[in-house]
Amino acid sequence: MTAKEKLRERIEALTEEEASETLRLLDLRSDPVIAAFRDAPIDDEPWSEEDEAAAAEGRADVAGGRTVPLDEALREQG
């Protein structure tokens, strides 16, 4: 059985809701934003001590409850 035949067989077994979701996922393949992320080069810049210090500061803020929900921050920015 070919790959297309197997695919047709599986498609026939999908519910209408599953078929709609499958179509949505297939359509994402041609979305230019998704393609840009998919095809972007791997970030090969080394992690610096400054990066680690900033990340540690952020983790400490989260652990200490010193964060603001996104919707609140957006409201504050106007």
Protein backbone atom coordinates (compact mmCIF):
# COMPACT_ATOMS: atom_id res chain seq x y z
CA MET A 1 0.00 0.00 0.00
CA THR A 2 1.39 3.42 -0.95
CA ALA A 3 1.71 6.33 1.44
CA LYS A 4 -1.15 8.14 -0.34
CA GLU A 5 -3.37 5.07 -0.06
CA LYS A 6 -2.62 4.81 3.67
CA LEU A 7 -3.36 8.50 4.05
CA ARG A 8 -6.70 8.20 2.22
CA GLU A 9 -7.62 5.29 4.49
CA ARG A 10 -6.86 7.32 7.60
CA ILE A 11 -8.72 10.35 6.26
CA GLU A 12 -11.86 8.28 5.79
CA ALA A 13 -11.68 7.28 9.46
CA LEU A 14 -11.60 10.91 10.69
CA THR A 15 -14.63 12.59 12.20
CA GLU A 16 -15.74 15.86 10.59
CA GLU A 17 -14.16 17.77 13.49
CA GLU A 18 -10.87 15.89 13.12
CA ALA A 19 -10.91 16.52 9.36
CA SER A 20 -11.38 20.26 9.94
CA GLU A 21 -8.46 20.35 12.37
CA THR A 22 -6.31 18.36 9.94
CA LEU A 23 -7.09 20.85 7.17
CA ARG A 24 -6.17 23.73 9.47
CA LEU A 25 -2.82 22.10 10.25
CA LEU A 26 -2.12 21.41 6.59
CA ASP A 27 -2.92 25.03 5.73
CA LEU A 28 -0.29 26.15 8.26
CA ARG A 29 2.35 24.56 6.06
CA SER A 30 1.90 27.39 3.53
CA ASP A 31 1.61 30.22 6.09
CA PRO A 32 4.55 32.60 5.44
CA VAL A 33 5.07 33.34 9.13
CA ILE A 34 5.16 29.65 10.04
CA ALA A 35 7.51 29.02 7.10
CA ALA A 36 9.83 31.82 8.26
CA PHE A 37 10.12 30.27 11.72
CA ARG A 38 10.46 26.76 10.31
CA ASP A 39 13.18 27.78 7.87
CA ALA A 40 15.06 30.18 10.14
CA PRO A 41 18.67 29.27 10.84
CA ILE A 42 19.51 27.82 14.23
CA ASP A 43 20.66 30.46 16.69
CA ASP A 44 24.30 29.54 17.19
CA GLU A 45 25.29 32.59 19.23
CA PRO A 46 26.89 31.40 22.45
CA TRP A 47 25.12 31.99 25.78
CA SER A 48 27.11 34.64 27.63
CA GLU A 49 27.61 35.25 31.34
CA GLU A 50 25.51 38.40 30.90
CA ASP A 51 22.70 36.30 29.39
CA GLU A 52 22.86 33.88 32.31
CA ALA A 53 22.78 36.74 34.83
CA ALA A 54 19.70 38.25 33.15
CA ALA A 55 17.95 34.87 33.08
CA ALA A 56 18.80 34.27 36.75
CA GLU A 57 17.38 37.69 37.62
CA GLY A 58 14.17 36.84 35.78
CA ARG A 59 13.86 33.46 37.54
CA ALA A 60 14.39 35.20 40.89
CA ASP A 61 11.66 37.72 40.06
CA VAL A 62 9.24 34.92 39.19
CA ALA A 63 10.12 33.00 42.37
CA GLY A 64 9.75 36.17 44.46
CA GLY A 65 6.37 37.07 42.97
CA ARG A 66 7.73 40.26 41.41
CA THR A 67 5.98 39.85 38.07
CA VAL A 68 3.01 41.52 36.36
CA PRO A 69 0.49 39.66 34.18
CA LEU A 70 0.77 40.58 30.49
CA ASP A 71 -2.73 42.08 30.28
CA GLU A 72 -1.94 44.35 33.23
CA ALA A 73 1.37 45.44 31.71
CA LEU A 74 -0.36 46.22 28.41
CA ARG A 75 -2.99 48.30 30.20
CA GLU A 76 -0.26 50.26 31.99
CA GLN A 77 1.44 50.99 28.65
CA GLY A 78 -1.82 52.35 27.26
